[in-house]
Amino acid sequence: MLVAVDHVQLAAPPGSENRMRDFYVGALGMTEVPKPPSLAANGGCWFRAGDVQVHVGAEADFRPSRKAHPGLRVRGIDAYAARLAARGAPVTWDG
């Protein structure tokens, strides 16, 4: 029986770890989680906020997806949207 999602795996181009940190830590307020040494050499970063984990792997032939995304639930959505906009990540509201 499934009880929860352990983490979401996303992809990014190699060498973009500092941009990942700026967004996931700086804008979203997550904490970086050290990757196991056996995986750290592959690049990418892991992040956590409470029970939510996002793993972003470096992918040599990375191509951004037009629709794939993690759906993150937050408290205080208006304040969170303002935080994102202040960090250069404007929010587009979708009904």
PDB file of N, CA and C in Angstrom:
ATOM      1  N   MET A   1       0.844  -1.179   0.000  1.00  0.00           N
ATOM      2  CA  MET A   1       0.000   0.000   0.000  1.00  0.00           C
ATOM      3  C   MET A   1       0.891   1.245   0.000  1.00  0.00           C
ATOM      4  N   LEU A   2       0.658   2.156  -0.920  1.00  0.00           N
ATOM      5  CA  LEU A   2       1.389   3.420  -0.959  1.00  0.00           C
ATOM      6  C   LEU A   2       0.840   4.352   0.103  1.00  0.00           C
ATOM      7  N   VAL A   3       1.722   5.089   0.770  1.00  0.00           N
ATOM      8  CA  VAL A   3       1.262   6.008   1.814  1.00  0.00           C
ATOM      9  C   VAL A   3       1.707   7.448   1.588  1.00  0.00           C
ATOM     10  N   ALA A   4       2.739   7.668   0.762  1.00  0.00           N
ATOM     11  CA  ALA A   4       3.215   9.025   0.519  1.00  0.00           C
ATOM     12  C   ALA A   4       4.212   9.016  -0.631  1.00  0.00           C
ATOM     13  N   VAL A   5       4.505  10.166  -1.155  1.00  0.00           N
ATOM     14  CA  VAL A   5       5.578  10.321  -2.132  1.00  0.00           C
ATOM     15  C   VAL A   5       6.855  10.600  -1.351  1.00  0.00           C
ATOM     16  N   ASP A   6       7.889   9.804  -1.578  1.00  0.00           N
ATOM     17  CA  ASP A   6       9.148  10.013  -0.870  1.00  0.00           C
ATOM     18  C   ASP A   6       9.879  11.235  -1.408  1.00  0.00           C
ATOM     19  N   HIS A   7       9.974  11.350  -2.734  1.00  0.00           N
ATOM     20  CA  HIS A   7      10.605  12.524  -3.343  1.00  0.00           C
ATOM     21  C   HIS A   7      10.162  12.617  -4.800  1.00  0.00           C
ATOM     22  N   VAL A   8      10.429  13.763  -5.402  1.00  0.00           N
ATOM     23  CA  VAL A   8      10.194  13.986  -6.818  1.00  0.00           C
ATOM     24  C   VAL A   8      11.556  14.167  -7.466  1.00  0.00           C
ATOM     25  N   GLN A   9      11.807  13.463  -8.564  1.00  0.00           N
ATOM     26  CA  GLN A   9      13.073  13.585  -9.296  1.00  0.00           C
ATOM     27  C   GLN A   9      12.857  14.481 -10.501  1.00  0.00           C
ATOM     28  N   LEU A  10      13.652  15.537 -10.610  1.00  0.00           N
ATOM     29  CA  LEU A  10      13.613  16.451 -11.747  1.00  0.00           C
ATOM     30  C   LEU A  10      14.982  16.441 -12.413  1.00  0.00           C
ATOM     31  N   ALA A  11      15.102  17.062 -13.561  1.00  0.00           N
ATOM     32  CA  ALA A  11      16.375  17.121 -14.270  1.00  0.00           C
ATOM     33  C   ALA A  11      16.730  18.563 -14.587  1.00  0.00           C
ATOM     34  N   ALA A  12      18.038  18.812 -14.697  1.00  0.00           N
ATOM     35  CA  ALA A  12      18.560  20.131 -15.033  1.00  0.00           C
ATOM     36  C   ALA A  12      19.865  19.930 -15.804  1.00  0.00           C
ATOM     37  N   PRO A  13      20.334  20.963 -16.487  1.00  0.00           N
ATOM     38  CA  PRO A  13      21.590  20.807 -17.222  1.00  0.00           C
ATOM     39  C   PRO A  13      22.787  20.694 -16.277  1.00  0.00           C
ATOM     40  N   PRO A  14      23.826  19.973 -16.675  1.00  0.00           N
ATOM     41  CA  PRO A  14      25.038  19.892 -15.853  1.00  0.00           C
ATOM     42  C   PRO A  14      25.610  21.285 -15.588  1.00  0.00           C
ATOM     43  N   GLY A  15      26.166  21.466 -14.412  1.00  0.00           N
ATOM     44  CA  GLY A  15      26.774  22.747 -14.059  1.00  0.00           C
ATOM     45  C   GLY A  15      25.793  23.795 -13.561  1.00  0.00           C
ATOM     46  N   SER A  16      24.524  23.434 -13.400  1.00  0.00           N
ATOM     47  CA  SER A  16      23.524  24.428 -12.972  1.00  0.00           C
ATOM     48  C   SER A  16      23.221  24.345 -11.472  1.00  0.00           C
ATOM     49  N   GLU A  17      24.072  23.670 -10.706  1.00  0.00           N
ATOM     50  CA  GLU A  17      23.817  23.473  -9.280  1.00  0.00           C
ATOM     51  C   GLU A  17      23.649  24.798  -8.523  1.00  0.00           C
ATOM     52  N   ASN A  18      24.450  25.809  -8.831  1.00  0.00           N
ATOM     53  CA  ASN A  18      24.300  27.088  -8.123  1.00  0.00           C
ATOM     54  C   ASN A  18      22.967  27.749  -8.429  1.00  0.00           C
ATOM     55  N   ARG A  19      22.488  27.618  -9.642  1.00  0.00           N
ATOM     56  CA  ARG A  19      21.159  28.152  -9.983  1.00  0.00           C
ATOM     57  C   ARG A  19      20.063  27.371  -9.260  1.00  0.00           C
ATOM     58  N   MET A  20      20.261  26.044  -9.142  1.00  0.00           N
ATOM     59  CA  MET A  20      19.310  25.217  -8.393  1.00  0.00           C
ATOM     60  C   MET A  20      19.239  25.694  -6.949  1.00  0.00           C
ATOM     61  N   ARG A  21      20.407  25.897  -6.339  1.00  0.00           N
ATOM     62  CA  ARG A  21      20.458  26.346  -4.938  1.00  0.00           C
ATOM     63  C   ARG A  21      19.788  27.702  -4.781  1.00  0.00           C
ATOM     64  N   ASP A  22      20.051  28.610  -5.721  1.00  0.00           N
ATOM     65  CA  ASP A  22      19.448  29.941  -5.635  1.00  0.00           C
ATOM     66  C   ASP A  22      17.928  29.850  -5.656  1.00  0.00           C
ATOM     67  N   PHE A  23      17.387  28.960  -6.497  1.00  0.00           N
ATOM     68  CA  PHE A  23      15.942  28.841  -6.596  1.00  0.00           C
ATOM     69  C   PHE A  23      15.357  28.042  -5.431  1.00  0.00           C
ATOM     70  N   TYR A  24      15.821  26.807  -5.242  1.00  0.00           N
ATOM     71  CA  TYR A  24      15.202  25.933  -4.242  1.00  0.00           C
ATOM     72  C   TYR A  24      15.470  26.384  -2.811  1.00  0.00           C
ATOM     73  N   VAL A  25      16.664  26.889  -2.538  1.00  0.00           N
ATOM     74  CA  VAL A  25      16.976  27.372  -1.189  1.00  0.00           C
ATOM     75  C   VAL A  25      16.579  28.844  -1.059  1.00  0.00           C
ATOM     76  N   GLY A  26      17.077  29.676  -1.990  1.00  0.00           N
ATOM     77  CA  GLY A  26      16.838  31.112  -1.897  1.00  0.00           C
ATOM     78  C   GLY A  26      15.398  31.521  -2.102  1.00  0.00           C
ATOM     79  N   ALA A  27      14.782  31.039  -3.171  1.00  0.00           N
ATOM     80  CA  ALA A  27      13.414  31.456  -3.499  1.00  0.00           C
ATOM     81  C   ALA A  27      12.361  30.611  -2.788  1.00  0.00           C
ATOM     82  N   LEU A  28      12.515  29.282  -2.824  1.00  0.00           N
ATOM     83  CA  LEU A  28      11.490  28.423  -2.224  1.00  0.00           C
ATOM     84  C   LEU A  28      11.679  28.219  -0.727  1.00  0.00           C
ATOM     85  N   GLY A  29      12.864  28.494  -0.196  1.00  0.00           N
ATOM     86  CA  GLY A  29      13.092  28.347   1.240  1.00  0.00           C
ATOM     87  C   GLY A  29      13.366  26.923   1.683  1.00  0.00           C
ATOM     88  N   MET A  30      13.770  26.062   0.747  1.00  0.00           N
ATOM     89  CA  MET A  30      14.083  24.676   1.093  1.00  0.00           C
ATOM     90  C   MET A  30      15.505  24.606   1.649  1.00  0.00           C
ATOM     91  N   THR A  31      15.884  23.457   2.174  1.00  0.00           N
ATOM     92  CA  THR A  31      17.226  23.215   2.688  1.00  0.00           C
ATOM     93  C   THR A  31      17.893  22.190   1.788  1.00  0.00           C
ATOM     94  N   GLU A  32      19.159  22.420   1.447  1.00  0.00           N
ATOM     95  CA  GLU A  32      19.864  21.424   0.644  1.00  0.00           C
ATOM     96  C   GLU A  32      20.223  20.224   1.519  1.00  0.00           C
ATOM     97  N   VAL A  33      20.018  19.040   0.978  1.00  0.00           N
ATOM     98  CA  VAL A  33      20.327  17.782   1.656  1.00  0.00           C
ATOM     99  C   VAL A  33      21.553  17.192   0.969  1.00  0.00           C
ATOM    100  N   PRO A  34      22.596  16.843   1.718  1.00  0.00           N
ATOM    101  CA  PRO A  34      23.769  16.241   1.072  1.00  0.00           C
ATOM    102  C   PRO A  34      23.402  14.922   0.377  1.00  0.00           C
ATOM    103  N   LYS A  35      23.893  14.761  -0.836  1.00  0.00           N
ATOM    104  CA  LYS A  35      23.677  13.513  -1.560  1.00  0.00           C
ATOM    105  C   LYS A  35      24.660  12.464  -1.038  1.00  0.00           C
ATOM    106  N   PRO A  36      24.295  11.194  -1.104  1.00  0.00           N
ATOM    107  CA  PRO A  36      25.256  10.157  -0.732  1.00  0.00           C
ATOM    108  C   PRO A  36      26.506  10.270  -1.611  1.00  0.00           C
ATOM    109  N   PRO A  37      27.681  10.006  -1.054  1.00  0.00           N
ATOM    110  CA  PRO A  37      28.924  10.140  -1.839  1.00  0.00           C
ATOM    111  C   PRO A  37      28.892   9.394  -3.173  1.00  0.00           C
ATOM    112  N   SER A  38      28.253   8.247  -3.209  1.00  0.00           N
ATOM    113  CA  SER A  38      28.205   7.469  -4.457  1.00  0.00           C
ATOM    114  C   SER A  38      27.403   8.176  -5.546  1.00  0.00           C
ATOM    115  N   LEU A  39      26.522   9.099  -5.166  1.00  0.00           N
ATOM    116  CA  LEU A  39      25.707   9.827  -6.146  1.00  0.00           C
ATOM    117  C   LEU A  39      26.186  11.258  -6.362  1.00  0.00           C
ATOM    118  N   ALA A  40      26.924  11.812  -5.413  1.00  0.00           N
ATOM    119  CA  ALA A  40      27.346  13.210  -5.491  1.00  0.00           C
ATOM    120  C   ALA A  40      28.190  13.490  -6.738  1.00  0.00           C
ATOM    121  N   ALA A  41      28.991  12.507  -7.151  1.00  0.00           N
ATOM    122  CA  ALA A  41      29.845  12.704  -8.322  1.00  0.00           C
ATOM    123  C   ALA A  41      29.041  12.892  -9.604  1.00  0.00           C
ATOM    124  N   ASN A  42      27.766  12.517  -9.599  1.00  0.00           N
ATOM    125  CA  ASN A  42      26.922  12.650 -10.783  1.00  0.00           C
ATOM    126  C   ASN A  42      26.406  14.064 -10.984  1.00  0.00           C
ATOM    127  N   GLY A  43      26.625  14.955 -10.008  1.00  0.00           N
ATOM    128  CA  GLY A  43      26.090  16.307 -10.093  1.00  0.00           C
ATOM    129  C   GLY A  43      24.655  16.351  -9.601  1.00  0.00           C
ATOM    130  N   GLY A  44      24.066  17.520  -9.671  1.00  0.00           N
ATOM    131  CA  GLY A  44      22.708  17.694  -9.191  1.00  0.00           C
ATOM    132  C   GLY A  44      22.669  18.006  -7.711  1.00  0.00           C
ATOM    133  N   CYS A  45      21.479  18.232  -7.174  1.00  0.00           N
ATOM    134  CA  CYS A  45      21.283  18.602  -5.775  1.00  0.00           C
ATOM    135  C   CYS A  45      19.983  17.998  -5.265  1.00  0.00           C
ATOM    136  N   TRP A  46      19.930  17.790  -3.966  1.00  0.00           N
ATOM    137  CA  TRP A  46      18.711  17.339  -3.302  1.00  0.00           C
ATOM    138  C   TRP A  46      18.280  18.416  -2.313  1.00  0.00           C
ATOM    139  N   PHE A  47      16.960  18.623  -2.206  1.00  0.00           N
ATOM    140  CA  PHE A  47      16.419  19.658  -1.331  1.00  0.00           C
ATOM    141  C   PHE A  47      15.264  19.102  -0.518  1.00  0.00           C
ATOM    142  N   ARG A  48      15.025  19.731   0.637  1.00  0.00           N
ATOM    143  CA  ARG A  48      13.946  19.276   1.525  1.00  0.00           C
ATOM    144  C   ARG A  48      13.316  20.486   2.210  1.00  0.00           C
ATOM    145  N   ALA A  49      12.008  20.380   2.435  1.00  0.00           N
ATOM    146  CA  ALA A  49      11.249  21.313   3.282  1.00  0.00           C
ATOM    147  C   ALA A  49      10.207  20.462   3.986  1.00  0.00           C
ATOM    148  N   GLY A  50      10.391  20.217   5.277  1.00  0.00           N
ATOM    149  CA  GLY A  50       9.485  19.328   6.001  1.00  0.00           C
ATOM    150  C   GLY A  50       9.553  17.937   5.416  1.00  0.00           C
ATOM    151  N   ASP A  51       8.405  17.381   5.043  1.00  0.00           N
ATOM    152  CA  ASP A  51       8.346  16.046   4.447  1.00  0.00           C
ATOM    153  C   ASP A  51       8.516  16.060   2.930  1.00  0.00           C
ATOM    154  N   VAL A  52       8.664  17.245   2.336  1.00  0.00           N
ATOM    155  CA  VAL A  52       8.772  17.375   0.883  1.00  0.00           C
ATOM    156  C   VAL A  52      10.240  17.292   0.470  1.00  0.00           C
ATOM    157  N   GLN A  53      10.544  16.388  -0.454  1.00  0.00           N
ATOM    158  CA  GLN A  53      11.893  16.277  -0.998  1.00  0.00           C
ATOM    159  C   GLN A  53      11.848  16.429  -2.511  1.00  0.00           C
ATOM    160  N   VAL A  54      12.798  17.201  -3.039  1.00  0.00           N
ATOM    161  CA  VAL A  54      12.964  17.362  -4.473  1.00  0.00           C
ATOM    162  C   VAL A  54      14.412  17.007  -4.794  1.00  0.00           C
ATOM    163  N   HIS A  55      14.604  16.050  -5.684  1.00  0.00           N
ATOM    164  CA  HIS A  55      15.929  15.669  -6.152  1.00  0.00           C
ATOM    165  C   HIS A  55      16.069  16.198  -7.574  1.00  0.00           C
ATOM    166  N   VAL A  56      17.108  16.984  -7.830  1.00  0.00           N
ATOM    167  CA  VAL A  56      17.338  17.511  -9.173  1.00  0.00           C
ATOM    168  C   VAL A  56      18.647  16.922  -9.675  1.00  0.00           C
ATOM    169  N   GLY A  57      18.542  16.094 -10.695  1.00  0.00           N
ATOM    170  CA  GLY A  57      19.715  15.443 -11.259  1.00  0.00           C
ATOM    171  C   GLY A  57      20.231  16.179 -12.471  1.00  0.00           C
ATOM    172  N   ALA A  58      21.561  16.137 -12.652  1.00  0.00           N
ATOM    173  CA  ALA A  58      22.182  16.727 -13.832  1.00  0.00           C
ATOM    174  C   ALA A  58      22.056  15.741 -14.983  1.00  0.00           C
ATOM    175  N   GLU A  59      21.563  16.223 -16.102  1.00  0.00           N
ATOM    176  CA  GLU A  59      21.318  15.368 -17.261  1.00  0.00           C
ATOM    177  C   GLU A  59      22.008  15.973 -18.481  1.00  0.00           C
ATOM    178  N   ALA A  60      22.987  15.243 -19.035  1.00  0.00           N
ATOM    179  CA  ALA A  60      23.822  15.771 -20.123  1.00  0.00           C
ATOM    180  C   ALA A  60      23.004  16.262 -21.317  1.00  0.00           C
ATOM    181  N   ASP A  61      21.986  15.530 -21.709  1.00  0.00           N
ATOM    182  CA  ASP A  61      21.185  15.939 -22.871  1.00  0.00           C
ATOM    183  C   ASP A  61      19.874  16.593 -22.427  1.00  0.00           C
ATOM    184  N   PHE A  62      19.944  17.387 -21.361  1.00  0.00           N
ATOM    185  CA  PHE A  62      18.756  18.012 -20.769  1.00  0.00           C
ATOM    186  C   PHE A  62      17.988  18.834 -21.797  1.00  0.00           C
ATOM    187  N   ARG A  63      16.686  18.635 -21.814  1.00  0.00           N
ATOM    188  CA  ARG A  63      15.756  19.451 -22.586  1.00  0.00           C
ATOM    189  C   ARG A  63      14.588  19.784 -21.677  1.00  0.00           C
ATOM    190  N   PRO A  64      14.298  21.062 -21.453  1.00  0.00           N
ATOM    191  CA  PRO A  64      13.207  21.403 -20.544  1.00  0.00           C
ATOM    192  C   PRO A  64      11.874  20.842 -21.017  1.00  0.00           C
ATOM    193  N   SER A  65      11.126  20.329 -20.080  1.00  0.00           N
ATOM    194  CA  SER A  65       9.789  19.829 -20.381  1.00  0.00           C
ATOM    195  C   SER A  65       8.814  21.000 -20.408  1.00  0.00           C
ATOM    196  N   ARG A  66       7.851  20.936 -21.290  1.00  0.00           N
ATOM    197  CA  ARG A  66       6.861  22.016 -21.361  1.00  0.00           C
ATOM    198  C   ARG A  66       5.760  21.850 -20.335  1.00  0.00           C
ATOM    199  N   LYS A  67       5.518  20.628 -19.853  1.00  0.00           N
ATOM    200  CA  LYS A  67       4.398  20.419 -18.942  1.00  0.00           C
ATOM    201  C   LYS A  67       4.765  19.778 -17.612  1.00  0.00           C
ATOM    202  N   ALA A  68       5.818  19.007 -17.547  1.00  0.00           N
ATOM    203  CA  ALA A  68       6.162  18.309 -16.305  1.00  0.00           C
ATOM    204  C   ALA A  68       6.525  19.318 -15.216  1.00  0.00           C
ATOM    205  N   HIS A  69       6.061  19.067 -14.000  1.00  0.00           N
ATOM    206  CA  HIS A  69       6.343  19.964 -12.882  1.00  0.00           C
ATOM    207  C   HIS A  69       5.946  19.282 -11.581  1.00  0.00           C
ATOM    208  N   PRO A  70       6.590  19.684 -10.479  1.00  0.00           N
ATOM    209  CA  PRO A  70       6.108  19.214  -9.180  1.00  0.00           C
ATOM    210  C   PRO A  70       4.997  20.150  -8.721  1.00  0.00           C
ATOM    211  N   GLY A  71       3.975  19.614  -8.123  1.00  0.00           N
ATOM    212  CA  GLY A  71       2.907  20.433  -7.549  1.00  0.00           C
ATOM    213  C   GLY A  71       3.164  20.567  -6.061  1.00  0.00           C
ATOM    214  N   LEU A  72       3.584  21.734  -5.623  1.00  0.00           N
ATOM    215  CA  LEU A  72       3.924  21.957  -4.219  1.00  0.00           C
ATOM    216  C   LEU A  72       2.807  22.737  -3.527  1.00  0.00           C
ATOM    217  N   ARG A  73       2.367  22.255  -2.398  1.00  0.00           N
ATOM    218  CA  ARG A  73       1.311  22.908  -1.626  1.00  0.00           C
ATOM    219  C   ARG A  73       1.978  23.779  -0.564  1.00  0.00           C
ATOM    220  N   VAL A  74       1.495  25.021  -0.408  1.00  0.00           N
ATOM    221  CA  VAL A  74       2.080  25.949   0.572  1.00  0.00           C
ATOM    222  C   VAL A  74       0.984  26.560   1.440  1.00  0.00           C
ATOM    223  N   ARG A  75       1.388  27.098   2.572  1.00  0.00           N
ATOM    224  CA  ARG A  75       0.499  27.905   3.420  1.00  0.00           C
ATOM    225  C   ARG A  75       0.834  29.366   3.161  1.00  0.00           C
ATOM    226  N   GLY A  76      -0.165  30.230   3.166  1.00  0.00           N
ATOM    227  CA  GLY A  76       0.076  31.657   2.941  1.00  0.00           C
ATOM    228  C   GLY A  76       0.506  31.939   1.511  1.00  0.00           C
ATOM    229  N   ILE A  77      -0.306  31.506   0.571  1.00  0.00           N
ATOM    230  CA  ILE A  77       0.064  31.561  -0.840  1.00  0.00           C
ATOM    231  C   ILE A  77       0.390  32.970  -1.323  1.00  0.00           C
ATOM    232  N   ASP A  78      -0.315  33.986  -0.853  1.00  0.00           N
ATOM    233  CA  ASP A  78      -0.044  35.351  -1.311  1.00  0.00           C
ATOM    234  C   ASP A  78       1.338  35.818  -0.861  1.00  0.00           C
ATOM    235  N   ALA A  79       1.699  35.538   0.383  1.00  0.00           N
ATOM    236  CA  ALA A  79       3.025  35.906   0.884  1.00  0.00           C
ATOM    237  C   ALA A  79       4.101  35.108   0.159  1.00  0.00           C
ATOM    238  N   TYR A  80       3.817  33.849  -0.112  1.00  0.00           N
ATOM    239  CA  TYR A  80       4.789  33.009  -0.822  1.00  0.00           C
ATOM    240  C   TYR A  80       4.993  33.516  -2.248  1.00  0.00           C
ATOM    241  N   ALA A  81       3.912  33.910  -2.913  1.00  0.00           N
ATOM    242  CA  ALA A  81       4.010  34.461  -4.266  1.00  0.00           C
ATOM    243  C   ALA A  81       4.826  35.748  -4.262  1.00  0.00           C
ATOM    244  N   ALA A  82       4.637  36.580  -3.256  1.00  0.00           N
ATOM    245  CA  ALA A  82       5.421  37.817  -3.146  1.00  0.00           C
ATOM    246  C   ALA A  82       6.896  37.496  -2.943  1.00  0.00           C
ATOM    247  N   ARG A  83       7.192  36.479  -2.139  1.00  0.00           N
ATOM    248  CA  ARG A  83       8.586  36.057  -1.907  1.00  0.00           C
ATOM    249  C   ARG A  83       9.222  35.626  -3.228  1.00  0.00           C
ATOM    250  N   LEU A  84       8.497  34.828  -4.003  1.00  0.00           N
ATOM    251  CA  LEU A  84       9.027  34.371  -5.284  1.00  0.00           C
ATOM    252  C   LEU A  84       9.265  35.540  -6.236  1.00  0.00           C
ATOM    253  N   ALA A  85       8.295  36.434  -6.332  1.00  0.00           N
ATOM    254  CA  ALA A  85       8.431  37.584  -7.222  1.00  0.00           C
ATOM    255  C   ALA A  85       9.625  38.452  -6.816  1.00  0.00           C
ATOM    256  N   ALA A  86       9.838  38.616  -5.519  1.00  0.00           N
ATOM    257  CA  ALA A  86      10.968  39.414  -5.038  1.00  0.00           C
ATOM    258  C   ALA A  86      12.303  38.769  -5.403  1.00  0.00           C
ATOM    259  N   ARG A  87      12.307  37.451  -5.607  1.00  0.00           N
ATOM    260  CA  ARG A  87      13.526  36.721  -5.981  1.00  0.00           C
ATOM    261  C   ARG A  87      13.637  36.550  -7.497  1.00  0.00           C
ATOM    262  N   GLY A  88      12.770  37.222  -8.258  1.00  0.00           N
ATOM    263  CA  GLY A  88      12.856  37.154  -9.701  1.00  0.00           C
ATOM    264  C   GLY A  88      12.106  35.997 -10.341  1.00  0.00           C
ATOM    265  N   ALA A  89      11.213  35.372  -9.591  1.00  0.00           N
ATOM    266  CA  ALA A  89      10.416  34.259 -10.114  1.00  0.00           C
ATOM    267  C   ALA A  89       8.948  34.634 -10.025  1.00  0.00           C
ATOM    268  N   PRO A  90       8.451  35.465 -10.944  1.00  0.00           N
ATOM    269  CA  PRO A  90       7.061  35.905 -10.858  1.00  0.00           C
ATOM    270  C   PRO A  90       6.096  34.737 -10.967  1.00  0.00           C
ATOM    271  N   VAL A  91       4.981  34.868 -10.299  1.00  0.00           N
ATOM    272  CA  VAL A  91       3.955  33.833 -10.257  1.00  0.00           C
ATOM    273  C   VAL A  91       2.888  34.153 -11.292  1.00  0.00           C
ATOM    274  N   THR A  92       2.488  33.143 -12.046  1.00  0.00           N
ATOM    275  CA  THR A  92       1.381  33.265 -12.980  1.00  0.00           C
ATOM    276  C   THR A  92       0.232  32.462 -12.391  1.00  0.00           C
ATOM    277  N   TRP A  93      -0.842  33.119 -12.026  1.00  0.00           N
ATOM    278  CA  TRP A  93      -1.976  32.448 -11.398  1.00  0.00           C
ATOM    279  C   TRP A  93      -2.765  31.673 -12.429  1.00  0.00           C
ATOM    280  N   ASP A  94      -3.185  30.489 -12.051  1.00  0.00           N
ATOM    281  CA  ASP A  94      -3.934  29.610 -12.939  1.00  0.00           C
ATOM    282  C   ASP A  94      -5.188  29.163 -12.203  1.00  0.00           C
ATOM    283  N   GLY A  95      -6.340  29.425 -12.766  1.00  0.00           N
ATOM    284  CA  GLY A  95      -7.588  29.070 -12.139  1.00  0.00           C
ATOM    285  C   GLY A  95      -7.825  27.597 -12.181  1.00  0.00           C
TER     286      GLY A  95
END
